[in-house]
PDB file of N, CA and C in Angstrom:
ATOM      1  N   UNK A   1       0.846  -1.185  -0.003  1.00  0.00           N
ATOM      2  CA  UNK A   1       0.003   0.025   0.001  1.00  0.00           C
ATOM      3  C   UNK A   1       0.872   1.262   0.002  1.00  0.00           C
ATOM      4  N   UNK A   2       0.343   2.361  -0.483  1.00  0.00           N
ATOM      5  CA  UNK A   2       1.077   3.623  -0.506  1.00  0.00           C
ATOM      6  C   UNK A   2       0.609   4.487   0.623  1.00  0.00           C
ATOM      7  N   UNK A   3       1.539   5.210   1.220  1.00  0.00           N
ATOM      8  CA  UNK A   3       1.239   6.167   2.289  1.00  0.00           C
ATOM      9  C   UNK A   3       1.642   7.519   1.662  1.00  0.00           C
ATOM     10  N   UNK A   4       0.625   8.483   1.602  1.00  0.00           N
ATOM     11  CA  UNK A   4       0.849   9.714   0.989  1.00  0.00           C
ATOM     12  C   UNK A   4       0.321  10.862   1.899  1.00  0.00           C
ATOM     13  N   UNK A   5       1.026  12.012   1.887  1.00  0.00           N
ATOM     14  CA  UNK A   5       0.561  13.229   2.639  1.00  0.00           C
ATOM     15  C   UNK A   5      -0.371  13.924   1.701  1.00  0.00           C
ATOM     16  N   UNK A   6      -1.634  14.140   2.052  1.00  0.00           N
ATOM     17  CA  UNK A   6      -2.558  14.944   1.314  1.00  0.00           C
ATOM     18  C   UNK A   6      -2.182  16.427   1.450  1.00  0.00           C
ATOM     19  N   UNK A   7      -1.567  16.810   2.603  1.00  0.00           N
ATOM     20  CA  UNK A   7      -1.208  18.201   2.823  1.00  0.00           C
ATOM     21  C   UNK A   7      -0.071  18.626   1.828  1.00  0.00           C
ATOM     22  N   UNK A   8       0.929  17.814   1.660  1.00  0.00           N
ATOM     23  CA  UNK A   8       2.126  18.178   0.864  1.00  0.00           C
ATOM     24  C   UNK A   8       2.049  17.590  -0.509  1.00  0.00           C
ATOM     25  N   UNK A   9       1.297  16.509  -0.671  1.00  0.00           N
ATOM     26  CA  UNK A   9       1.270  15.767  -1.938  1.00  0.00           C
ATOM     27  C   UNK A   9       2.412  14.739  -2.134  1.00  0.00           C
ATOM     28  N   UNK A  10       3.254  14.635  -1.145  1.00  0.00           N
ATOM     29  CA  UNK A  10       4.431  13.726  -1.213  1.00  0.00           C
ATOM     30  C   UNK A  10       4.047  12.274  -0.848  1.00  0.00           C
ATOM     31  N   UNK A  11       4.614  11.367  -1.559  1.00  0.00           N
ATOM     32  CA  UNK A  11       4.466   9.921  -1.196  1.00  0.00           C
ATOM     33  C   UNK A  11       5.542   9.659  -0.107  1.00  0.00           C
ATOM     34  N   UNK A  12       5.082   9.189   1.065  1.00  0.00           N
ATOM     35  CA  UNK A  12       5.977   8.860   2.192  1.00  0.00           C
ATOM     36  C   UNK A  12       6.513   7.492   2.033  1.00  0.00           C
ATOM     37  N   UNK A  13       5.743   6.503   1.610  1.00  0.00           N
ATOM     38  CA  UNK A  13       6.306   5.229   1.381  1.00  0.00           C
ATOM     39  C   UNK A  13       5.402   4.444   0.401  1.00  0.00           C
ATOM     40  N   UNK A  14       5.947   3.481  -0.292  1.00  0.00           N
ATOM     41  CA  UNK A  14       5.278   2.709  -1.346  1.00  0.00           C
ATOM     42  C   UNK A  14       5.100   1.274  -0.918  1.00  0.00           C
ATOM     43  N   UNK A  15       5.532   0.898   0.298  1.00  0.00           N
ATOM     44  CA  UNK A  15       5.501  -0.461   0.756  1.00  0.00           C
ATOM     45  C   UNK A  15       4.848  -0.619   2.151  1.00  0.00           C
ATOM     46  N   UNK A  16       3.851   0.229   2.421  1.00  0.00           N
ATOM     47  CA  UNK A  16       3.192   0.111   3.709  1.00  0.00           C
ATOM     48  C   UNK A  16       2.459  -1.206   3.918  1.00  0.00           C
ATOM     49  N   UNK A  17       2.664  -1.870   4.982  1.00  0.00           N
ATOM     50  CA  UNK A  17       1.955  -3.131   5.252  1.00  0.00           C
ATOM     51  C   UNK A  17       1.020  -2.847   6.438  1.00  0.00           C
ATOM     52  N   UNK A  18      -0.207  -3.342   6.270  1.00  0.00           N
ATOM     53  CA  UNK A  18      -1.198  -3.207   7.316  1.00  0.00           C
ATOM     54  C   UNK A  18      -1.079  -4.501   8.169  1.00  0.00           C
ATOM     55  N   UNK A  19      -0.935  -4.368   9.414  1.00  0.00           N
ATOM     56  CA  UNK A  19      -0.765  -5.540  10.316  1.00  0.00           C
ATOM     57  C   UNK A  19      -2.214  -6.066  10.592  1.00  0.00           C
ATOM     58  N   UNK A  20      -2.587  -7.030   9.766  1.00  0.00           N
ATOM     59  CA  UNK A  20      -3.934  -7.641   9.881  1.00  0.00           C
ATOM     60  C   UNK A  20      -3.907  -8.926  10.741  1.00  0.00           C
ATOM     61  N   UNK A  21      -2.905  -9.696  10.498  1.00  0.00           N
ATOM     62  CA  UNK A  21      -2.863 -11.035  11.171  1.00  0.00           C
ATOM     63  C   UNK A  21      -2.362 -10.868  12.644  1.00  0.00           C
ATOM     64  N   UNK A  22      -2.554 -11.901  13.425  1.00  0.00           N
ATOM     65  CA  UNK A  22      -2.108 -11.990  14.785  1.00  0.00           C
ATOM     66  C   UNK A  22      -0.567 -11.921  14.760  1.00  0.00           C
ATOM     67  N   UNK A  23       0.049 -12.616  13.832  1.00  0.00           N
ATOM     68  CA  UNK A  23       1.501 -12.699  13.709  1.00  0.00           C
ATOM     69  C   UNK A  23       2.076 -11.283  13.455  1.00  0.00           C
ATOM     70  N   UNK A  24       1.423 -10.603  12.470  1.00  0.00           N
ATOM     71  CA  UNK A  24       1.942  -9.256  12.159  1.00  0.00           C
ATOM     72  C   UNK A  24       1.807  -8.371  13.313  1.00  0.00           C
ATOM     73  N   UNK A  25       0.676  -8.434  13.989  1.00  0.00           N
ATOM     74  CA  UNK A  25       0.428  -7.525  15.191  1.00  0.00           C
ATOM     75  C   UNK A  25       1.357  -7.824  16.355  1.00  0.00           C
ATOM     76  N   UNK A  26       1.678  -9.102  16.538  1.00  0.00           N
ATOM     77  CA  UNK A  26       2.499  -9.537  17.617  1.00  0.00           C
ATOM     78  C   UNK A  26       3.956  -9.217  17.362  1.00  0.00           C
ATOM     79  N   UNK A  27       4.400  -9.537  16.144  1.00  0.00           N
ATOM     80  CA  UNK A  27       5.841  -9.433  15.856  1.00  0.00           C
ATOM     81  C   UNK A  27       6.204  -8.130  15.041  1.00  0.00           C
ATOM     82  N   UNK A  28       5.255  -7.558  14.375  1.00  0.00           N
ATOM     83  CA  UNK A  28       5.460  -6.320  13.638  1.00  0.00           C
ATOM     84  C   UNK A  28       6.759  -6.248  12.899  1.00  0.00           C
ATOM     85  N   UNK A  29       7.613  -5.336  13.243  1.00  0.00           N
ATOM     86  CA  UNK A  29       8.871  -5.129  12.512  1.00  0.00           C
ATOM     87  C   UNK A  29       9.964  -6.118  12.912  1.00  0.00           C
ATOM     88  N   UNK A  30       9.740  -7.019  13.802  1.00  0.00           N
ATOM     89  CA  UNK A  30      10.722  -7.970  14.198  1.00  0.00           C
ATOM     90  C   UNK A  30      10.990  -8.985  13.076  1.00  0.00           C
ATOM     91  N   UNK A  31       9.933  -9.337  12.288  1.00  0.00           N
ATOM     92  CA  UNK A  31      10.068 -10.340  11.297  1.00  0.00           C
ATOM     93  C   UNK A  31      10.698  -9.638  10.021  1.00  0.00           C
ATOM     94  N   UNK A  32      11.823 -10.178   9.640  1.00  0.00           N
ATOM     95  CA  UNK A  32      12.591  -9.547   8.547  1.00  0.00           C
ATOM     96  C   UNK A  32      11.854  -9.544   7.224  1.00  0.00           C
ATOM     97  N   UNK A  33      10.903 -10.412   6.939  1.00  0.00           N
ATOM     98  CA  UNK A  33      10.132 -10.362   5.697  1.00  0.00           C
ATOM     99  C   UNK A  33       9.139  -9.259   5.642  1.00  0.00           C
ATOM    100  N   UNK A  34       8.855  -8.593   6.763  1.00  0.00           N
ATOM    101  CA  UNK A  34       7.873  -7.487   6.751  1.00  0.00           C
ATOM    102  C   UNK A  34       8.566  -6.279   6.279  1.00  0.00           C
ATOM    103  N   UNK A  35       7.871  -5.387   5.615  1.00  0.00           N
ATOM    104  CA  UNK A  35       8.513  -4.117   5.221  1.00  0.00           C
ATOM    105  C   UNK A  35       8.823  -3.304   6.476  1.00  0.00           C
ATOM    106  N   UNK A  36       9.569  -2.250   6.341  1.00  0.00           N
ATOM    107  CA  UNK A  36       9.910  -1.388   7.553  1.00  0.00           C
ATOM    108  C   UNK A  36       8.802  -0.343   7.773  1.00  0.00           C
ATOM    109  N   UNK A  37       7.732  -0.420   7.074  1.00  0.00           N
ATOM    110  CA  UNK A  37       6.647   0.555   7.202  1.00  0.00           C
ATOM    111  C   UNK A  37       5.342  -0.214   7.554  1.00  0.00           C
ATOM    112  N   UNK A  38       4.833  -0.064   8.718  1.00  0.00           N
ATOM    113  CA  UNK A  38       3.673  -0.801   9.110  1.00  0.00           C
ATOM    114  C   UNK A  38       2.593   0.099   9.750  1.00  0.00           C
ATOM    115  N   UNK A  39       1.350  -0.266   9.495  1.00  0.00           N
ATOM    116  CA  UNK A  39       0.180   0.318  10.117  1.00  0.00           C
ATOM    117  C   UNK A  39      -0.407  -0.663  11.063  1.00  0.00           C
ATOM    118  N   UNK A  40      -0.499  -0.311  12.330  1.00  0.00           N
ATOM    119  CA  UNK A  40      -1.146  -1.130  13.372  1.00  0.00           C
ATOM    120  C   UNK A  40      -2.417  -0.459  13.819  1.00  0.00           C
ATOM    121  N   UNK A  41      -3.392  -1.295  14.282  1.00  0.00           N
ATOM    122  CA  UNK A  41      -4.591  -0.754  14.835  1.00  0.00           C
ATOM    123  C   UNK A  41      -4.576  -1.244  16.251  1.00  0.00           C
ATOM    124  N   UNK A  42      -4.326  -0.322  17.164  1.00  0.00           N
ATOM    125  CA  UNK A  42      -4.206  -0.643  18.583  1.00  0.00           C
ATOM    126  C   UNK A  42      -4.504   0.599  19.420  1.00  0.00           C
ATOM    127  N   UNK A  43      -5.093   0.441  20.552  1.00  0.00           N
ATOM    128  CA  UNK A  43      -5.387   1.569  21.424  1.00  0.00           C
ATOM    129  C   UNK A  43      -4.452   1.578  22.663  1.00  0.00           C
ATOM    130  N   UNK A  44      -3.710   0.563  22.833  1.00  0.00           N
ATOM    131  CA  UNK A  44      -2.979   0.400  24.120  1.00  0.00           C
ATOM    132  C   UNK A  44      -1.546   0.801  24.077  1.00  0.00           C
ATOM    133  N   UNK A  45      -1.106   1.282  23.009  1.00  0.00           N
ATOM    134  CA  UNK A  45       0.409   1.637  22.925  1.00  0.00           C
ATOM    135  C   UNK A  45       1.154   0.541  22.203  1.00  0.00           C
ATOM    136  N   UNK A  46       2.480   0.861  22.064  1.00  0.00           N
ATOM    137  CA  UNK A  46       3.292  -0.125  21.377  1.00  0.00           C
ATOM    138  C   UNK A  46       4.507  -0.250  22.220  1.00  0.00           C
ATOM    139  N   UNK A  47       5.323  -1.249  21.835  1.00  0.00           N
ATOM    140  CA  UNK A  47       6.625  -1.401  22.504  1.00  0.00           C
ATOM    141  C   UNK A  47       7.668  -1.657  21.369  1.00  0.00           C
ATOM    142  N   UNK A  48       8.929  -1.447  21.720  1.00  0.00           N
ATOM    143  CA  UNK A  48       9.993  -1.701  20.757  1.00  0.00           C
ATOM    144  C   UNK A  48      10.940  -2.752  21.276  1.00  0.00           C
ATOM    145  N   UNK A  49      10.526  -3.595  22.148  1.00  0.00           N
ATOM    146  CA  UNK A  49      11.303  -4.659  22.645  1.00  0.00           C
ATOM    147  C   UNK A  49      11.796  -5.532  21.500  1.00  0.00           C
ATOM    148  N   UNK A  50      13.051  -5.873  21.462  1.00  0.00           N
ATOM    149  CA  UNK A  50      13.651  -6.788  20.499  1.00  0.00           C
ATOM    150  C   UNK A  50      13.977  -6.125  19.161  1.00  0.00           C
ATOM    151  N   UNK A  51      13.517  -4.848  18.974  1.00  0.00           N
ATOM    152  CA  UNK A  51      13.897  -4.192  17.743  1.00  0.00           C
ATOM    153  C   UNK A  51      15.398  -3.793  17.872  1.00  0.00           C
ATOM    154  N   UNK A  52      16.092  -3.810  16.765  1.00  0.00           N
ATOM    155  CA  UNK A  52      17.502  -3.464  16.729  1.00  0.00           C
ATOM    156  C   UNK A  52      17.733  -2.006  16.380  1.00  0.00           C
ATOM    157  N   UNK A  53      16.741  -1.361  15.790  1.00  0.00           N
ATOM    158  CA  UNK A  53      16.883   0.035  15.347  1.00  0.00           C
ATOM    159  C   UNK A  53      15.678   0.828  15.908  1.00  0.00           C
ATOM    160  N   UNK A  54      15.850   2.114  16.119  1.00  0.00           N
ATOM    161  CA  UNK A  54      14.682   2.959  16.538  1.00  0.00           C
ATOM    162  C   UNK A  54      13.788   3.148  15.343  1.00  0.00           C
ATOM    163  N   UNK A  55      12.552   3.593  15.669  1.00  0.00           N
ATOM    164  CA  UNK A  55      11.470   3.882  14.628  1.00  0.00           C
ATOM    165  C   UNK A  55      10.888   5.211  14.946  1.00  0.00           C
ATOM    166  N   UNK A  56      10.248   5.746  13.974  1.00  0.00           N
ATOM    167  CA  UNK A  56       9.341   6.876  14.072  1.00  0.00           C
ATOM    168  C   UNK A  56       7.925   6.394  14.198  1.00  0.00           C
ATOM    169  N   UNK A  57       7.165   7.018  15.049  1.00  0.00           N
ATOM    170  CA  UNK A  57       5.737   6.558  15.268  1.00  0.00           C
ATOM    171  C   UNK A  57       4.858   7.750  15.023  1.00  0.00           C
ATOM    172  N   UNK A  58       3.761   7.470  14.290  1.00  0.00           N
ATOM    173  CA  UNK A  58       2.770   8.551  13.972  1.00  0.00           C
ATOM    174  C   UNK A  58       1.458   7.911  14.402  1.00  0.00           C
ATOM    175  N   UNK A  59       0.721   8.624  15.253  1.00  0.00           N
ATOM    176  CA  UNK A  59      -0.620   8.208  15.635  1.00  0.00           C
ATOM    177  C   UNK A  59      -1.657   9.063  14.907  1.00  0.00           C
ATOM    178  N   UNK A  60      -2.678   8.359  14.329  1.00  0.00           N
ATOM    179  CA  UNK A  60      -3.661   9.026  13.419  1.00  0.00           C
ATOM    180  C   UNK A  60      -5.059   8.911  14.041  1.00  0.00           C
ATOM    181  N   UNK A  61      -5.890   9.942  13.785  1.00  0.00           N
ATOM    182  CA  UNK A  61      -7.297   9.756  14.176  1.00  0.00           C
ATOM    183  C   UNK A  61      -8.039   8.942  13.070  1.00  0.00           C
ATOM    184  N   UNK A  62      -9.291   8.826  13.256  1.00  0.00           N
ATOM    185  CA  UNK A  62     -10.145   8.023  12.383  1.00  0.00           C
ATOM    186  C   UNK A  62     -10.120   8.536  10.902  1.00  0.00           C
ATOM    187  N   UNK A  63      -9.889   9.822  10.824  1.00  0.00           N
ATOM    188  CA  UNK A  63      -9.847  10.479   9.478  1.00  0.00           C
ATOM    189  C   UNK A  63      -8.413  10.502   8.902  1.00  0.00           C
ATOM    190  N   UNK A  64      -7.516   9.823   9.534  1.00  0.00           N
ATOM    191  CA  UNK A  64      -6.140   9.752   9.162  1.00  0.00           C
ATOM    192  C   UNK A  64      -5.393  11.086   9.274  1.00  0.00           C
ATOM    193  N   UNK A  65      -5.780  11.930  10.207  1.00  0.00           N
ATOM    194  CA  UNK A  65      -5.042  13.146  10.559  1.00  0.00           C
ATOM    195  C   UNK A  65      -4.033  12.818  11.642  1.00  0.00           C
ATOM    196  N   UNK A  66      -2.846  13.353  11.557  1.00  0.00           N
ATOM    197  CA  UNK A  66      -1.843  13.108  12.536  1.00  0.00           C
ATOM    198  C   UNK A  66      -2.179  13.817  13.872  1.00  0.00           C
ATOM    199  N   UNK A  67      -2.217  12.984  14.974  1.00  0.00           N
ATOM    200  CA  UNK A  67      -2.512  13.554  16.290  1.00  0.00           C
ATOM    201  C   UNK A  67      -1.365  13.552  17.215  1.00  0.00           C
ATOM    202  N   UNK A  68      -0.455  12.555  17.009  1.00  0.00           N
ATOM    203  CA  UNK A  68       0.717  12.440  17.919  1.00  0.00           C
ATOM    204  C   UNK A  68       1.914  11.959  17.076  1.00  0.00           C
ATOM    205  N   UNK A  69       3.116  12.491  17.320  1.00  0.00           N
ATOM    206  CA  UNK A  69       4.327  12.106  16.643  1.00  0.00           C
ATOM    207  C   UNK A  69       5.379  11.672  17.740  1.00  0.00           C
ATOM    208  N   UNK A  70       6.173  10.691  17.423  1.00  0.00           N
ATOM    209  CA  UNK A  70       7.314  10.321  18.299  1.00  0.00           C
ATOM    210  C   UNK A  70       8.423   9.967  17.310  1.00  0.00           C
ATOM    211  N   UNK A  71       9.394  10.833  17.383  1.00  0.00           N
ATOM    212  CA  UNK A  71      10.633  10.627  16.513  1.00  0.00           C
ATOM    213  C   UNK A  71      11.602   9.720  17.267  1.00  0.00           C
ATOM    214  N   UNK A  72      12.228   8.858  16.564  1.00  0.00           N
ATOM    215  CA  UNK A  72      13.414   8.105  17.024  1.00  0.00           C
ATOM    216  C   UNK A  72      13.138   7.341  18.296  1.00  0.00           C
ATOM    217  N   UNK A  73      11.967   6.576  18.307  1.00  0.00           N
ATOM    218  CA  UNK A  73      11.642   5.725  19.500  1.00  0.00           C
ATOM    219  C   UNK A  73      12.670   4.622  19.576  1.00  0.00           C
ATOM    220  N   UNK A  74      13.469   4.606  20.567  1.00  0.00           N
ATOM    221  CA  UNK A  74      14.536   3.678  20.729  1.00  0.00           C
ATOM    222  C   UNK A  74      14.061   2.271  21.064  1.00  0.00           C
ATOM    223  N   UNK A  75      14.903   1.283  20.825  1.00  0.00           N
ATOM    224  CA  UNK A  75      14.570  -0.155  21.168  1.00  0.00           C
ATOM    225  C   UNK A  75      14.300  -0.253  22.675  1.00  0.00           C
ATOM    226  N   UNK A  76      13.540  -1.240  23.077  1.00  0.00           N
ATOM    227  CA  UNK A  76      13.222  -1.567  24.430  1.00  0.00           C
ATOM    228  C   UNK A  76      12.514  -0.465  25.146  1.00  0.00           C
ATOM    229  N   UNK A  77      11.552   0.210  24.547  1.00  0.00           N
ATOM    230  CA  UNK A  77      10.781   1.224  25.117  1.00  0.00           C
ATOM    231  C   UNK A  77       9.368   0.994  24.898  1.00  0.00           C
ATOM    232  N   UNK A  78       8.466   1.640  25.719  1.00  0.00           N
ATOM    233  CA  UNK A  78       6.997   1.684  25.465  1.00  0.00           C
ATOM    234  C   UNK A  78       6.661   3.040  24.994  1.00  0.00           C
ATOM    235  N   UNK A  79       5.608   3.141  24.238  1.00  0.00           N
ATOM    236  CA  UNK A  79       5.022   4.478  23.799  1.00  0.00           C
ATOM    237  C   UNK A  79       3.518   4.400  23.920  1.00  0.00           C
ATOM    238  N   UNK A  80       2.926   5.291  24.689  1.00  0.00           N
ATOM    239  CA  UNK A  80       1.548   5.343  24.937  1.00  0.00           C
ATOM    240  C   UNK A  80       0.917   6.713  24.413  1.00  0.00           C
ATOM    241  N   UNK A  81      -0.341   6.701  24.086  1.00  0.00           N
ATOM    242  CA  UNK A  81      -0.998   7.906  23.678  1.00  0.00           C
ATOM    243  C   UNK A  81      -2.479   7.843  24.053  1.00  0.00           C
ATOM    244  N   UNK A  82      -3.267   8.870  23.762  1.00  0.00           N
ATOM    245  CA  UNK A  82      -4.671   8.862  24.112  1.00  0.00           C
ATOM    246  C   UNK A  82      -5.357   7.576  23.445  1.00  0.00           C
ATOM    247  N   UNK A  83      -6.010   6.766  24.258  1.00  0.00           N
ATOM    248  CA  UNK A  83      -6.610   5.554  23.687  1.00  0.00           C
ATOM    249  C   UNK A  83      -7.759   5.761  22.776  1.00  0.00           C
ATOM    250  N   UNK A  84      -8.115   6.972  22.519  1.00  0.00           N
ATOM    251  CA  UNK A  84      -9.194   7.365  21.574  1.00  0.00           C
ATOM    252  C   UNK A  84      -8.788   7.137  20.179  1.00  0.00           C
ATOM    253  N   UNK A  85      -7.469   7.056  19.956  1.00  0.00           N
ATOM    254  CA  UNK A  85      -6.864   6.907  18.638  1.00  0.00           C
ATOM    255  C   UNK A  85      -6.282   5.525  18.464  1.00  0.00           C
ATOM    256  N   UNK A  86      -6.387   4.889  17.345  1.00  0.00           N
ATOM    257  CA  UNK A  86      -5.961   3.485  17.220  1.00  0.00           C
ATOM    258  C   UNK A  86      -5.238   3.240  15.935  1.00  0.00           C
ATOM    259  N   UNK A  87      -5.077   4.193  15.063  1.00  0.00           N
ATOM    260  CA  UNK A  87      -4.252   3.978  13.812  1.00  0.00           C
ATOM    261  C   UNK A  87      -2.832   4.447  14.111  1.00  0.00           C
ATOM    262  N   UNK A  88      -1.864   3.541  14.037  1.00  0.00           N
ATOM    263  CA  UNK A  88      -0.526   3.825  14.418  1.00  0.00           C
ATOM    264  C   UNK A  88       0.448   3.369  13.373  1.00  0.00           C
ATOM    265  N   UNK A  89       1.265   4.308  12.859  1.00  0.00           N
ATOM    266  CA  UNK A  89       2.220   3.996  11.838  1.00  0.00           C
ATOM    267  C   UNK A  89       3.632   3.853  12.502  1.00  0.00           C
ATOM    268  N   UNK A  90       4.342   2.713  12.111  1.00  0.00           N
ATOM    269  CA  UNK A  90       5.734   2.649  12.498  1.00  0.00           C
ATOM    270  C   UNK A  90       6.579   2.747  11.267  1.00  0.00           C
ATOM    271  N   UNK A  91       7.487   3.705  11.195  1.00  0.00           N
ATOM    272  CA  UNK A  91       8.217   4.002  10.016  1.00  0.00           C
ATOM    273  C   UNK A  91       9.697   4.116  10.383  1.00  0.00           C
ATOM    274  N   UNK A  92      10.588   4.003   9.432  1.00  0.00           N
ATOM    275  CA  UNK A  92      12.025   4.116   9.756  1.00  0.00           C
ATOM    276  C   UNK A  92      12.336   5.485  10.399  1.00  0.00           C
ATOM    277  N   UNK A  93      13.297   5.511  11.223  1.00  0.00           N
ATOM    278  CA  UNK A  93      13.763   6.724  11.888  1.00  0.00           C
ATOM    279  C   UNK A  93      14.132   7.734  10.781  1.00  0.00           C
ATOM    280  N   UNK A  94      13.722   8.978  11.083  1.00  0.00           N
ATOM    281  CA  UNK A  94      14.006  10.029  10.107  1.00  0.00           C
ATOM    282  C   UNK A  94      12.879  10.386   9.165  1.00  0.00           C
ATOM    283  N   UNK A  95      11.832   9.491   9.053  1.00  0.00           N
ATOM    284  CA  UNK A  95      10.802   9.685   8.124  1.00  0.00           C
ATOM    285  C   UNK A  95       9.992  10.985   8.485  1.00  0.00           C
ATOM    286  N   UNK A  96       9.724  11.206   9.733  1.00  0.00           N
ATOM    287  CA  UNK A  96       8.931  12.352  10.236  1.00  0.00           C
ATOM    288  C   UNK A  96       9.649  13.622   9.778  1.00  0.00           C
ATOM    289  N   UNK A  97      11.005  13.683  10.052  1.00  0.00           N
ATOM    290  CA  UNK A  97      11.736  14.855   9.680  1.00  0.00           C
ATOM    291  C   UNK A  97      11.861  15.063   8.190  1.00  0.00           C
ATOM    292  N   UNK A  98      12.137  13.964   7.463  1.00  0.00           N
ATOM    293  CA  UNK A  98      12.407  13.989   6.059  1.00  0.00           C
ATOM    294  C   UNK A  98      11.154  14.578   5.252  1.00  0.00           C
ATOM    295  N   UNK A  99       9.973  14.160   5.730  1.00  0.00           N
ATOM    296  CA  UNK A  99       8.729  14.530   5.052  1.00  0.00           C
ATOM    297  C   UNK A  99       7.980  15.637   5.779  1.00  0.00           C
ATOM    298  N   UNK A 100       8.639  16.213   6.766  1.00  0.00           N
ATOM    299  CA  UNK A 100       8.069  17.367   7.543  1.00  0.00           C
ATOM    300  C   UNK A 100       6.651  17.018   8.002  1.00  0.00           C
ATOM    301  N   UNK A 101       6.469  15.878   8.568  1.00  0.00           N
ATOM    302  CA  UNK A 101       5.135  15.464   9.070  1.00  0.00           C
ATOM    303  C   UNK A 101       4.874  16.223  10.397  1.00  0.00           C
ATOM    304  N   UNK A 102       3.641  16.801  10.485  1.00  0.00           N
ATOM    305  CA  UNK A 102       3.326  17.577  11.673  1.00  0.00           C
ATOM    306  C   UNK A 102       1.888  17.244  12.106  1.00  0.00           C
ATOM    307  N   UNK A 103       1.496  17.571  13.348  1.00  0.00           N
ATOM    308  CA  UNK A 103       0.159  17.382  13.777  1.00  0.00           C
ATOM    309  C   UNK A 103      -0.862  18.037  12.824  1.00  0.00           C
ATOM    310  N   UNK A 104      -2.039  17.433  12.702  1.00  0.00           N
ATOM    311  CA  UNK A 104      -3.131  17.884  11.802  1.00  0.00           C
ATOM    312  C   UNK A 104      -2.881  17.696  10.377  1.00  0.00           C
ATOM    313  N   UNK A 105      -1.742  17.074   9.986  1.00  0.00           N
ATOM    314  CA  UNK A 105      -1.464  16.811   8.643  1.00  0.00           C
ATOM    315  C   UNK A 105      -2.381  15.596   8.237  1.00  0.00           C
ATOM    316  N   UNK A 106      -2.953  15.642   7.071  1.00  0.00           N
ATOM    317  CA  UNK A 106      -3.780  14.565   6.612  1.00  0.00           C
ATOM    318  C   UNK A 106      -3.049  13.603   5.719  1.00  0.00           C
ATOM    319  N   UNK A 107      -3.074  12.263   6.104  1.00  0.00           N
ATOM    320  CA  UNK A 107      -2.414  11.218   5.332  1.00  0.00           C
ATOM    321  C   UNK A 107      -3.469  10.390   4.590  1.00  0.00           C
ATOM    322  N   UNK A 108      -3.022   9.670   3.504  1.00  0.00           N
ATOM    323  CA  UNK A 108      -3.938   8.887   2.767  1.00  0.00           C
ATOM    324  C   UNK A 108      -3.190   7.535   2.578  1.00  0.00           C
ATOM    325  N   UNK A 109      -3.960   6.469   2.799  1.00  0.00           N
ATOM    326  CA  UNK A 109      -3.433   5.150   2.576  1.00  0.00           C
ATOM    327  C   UNK A 109      -4.224   4.565   1.419  1.00  0.00           C
ATOM    328  N   UNK A 110      -3.523   4.184   0.298  1.00  0.00           N
ATOM    329  CA  UNK A 110      -4.209   3.627  -0.826  1.00  0.00           C
ATOM    330  C   UNK A 110      -3.408   2.525  -1.388  1.00  0.00           C
TER     331      UNK A 110
END
């Protein structure tokens, strides 16, 4: 799937994987066959245990507007946000800065 900013018109990634299966949700970016760009649906937060590299995290509302950003979330950490939001992107470190992603920016997944 493609992740694009409707605000800037830039394509952020072309290989977004939606974590639909239990295995994807449980292991996420730990499994080498998965792309480095994942969308999770969770309200309880995420962890980076066992990851070898930090990630950028973007929390989206139901309209795919950015509500929370976390740059460079290091391995072996937890990250929590308002449980009213459940769309969460995990992207390679530097993605938020590279594409100048900010709160209220609208993203499109297609």
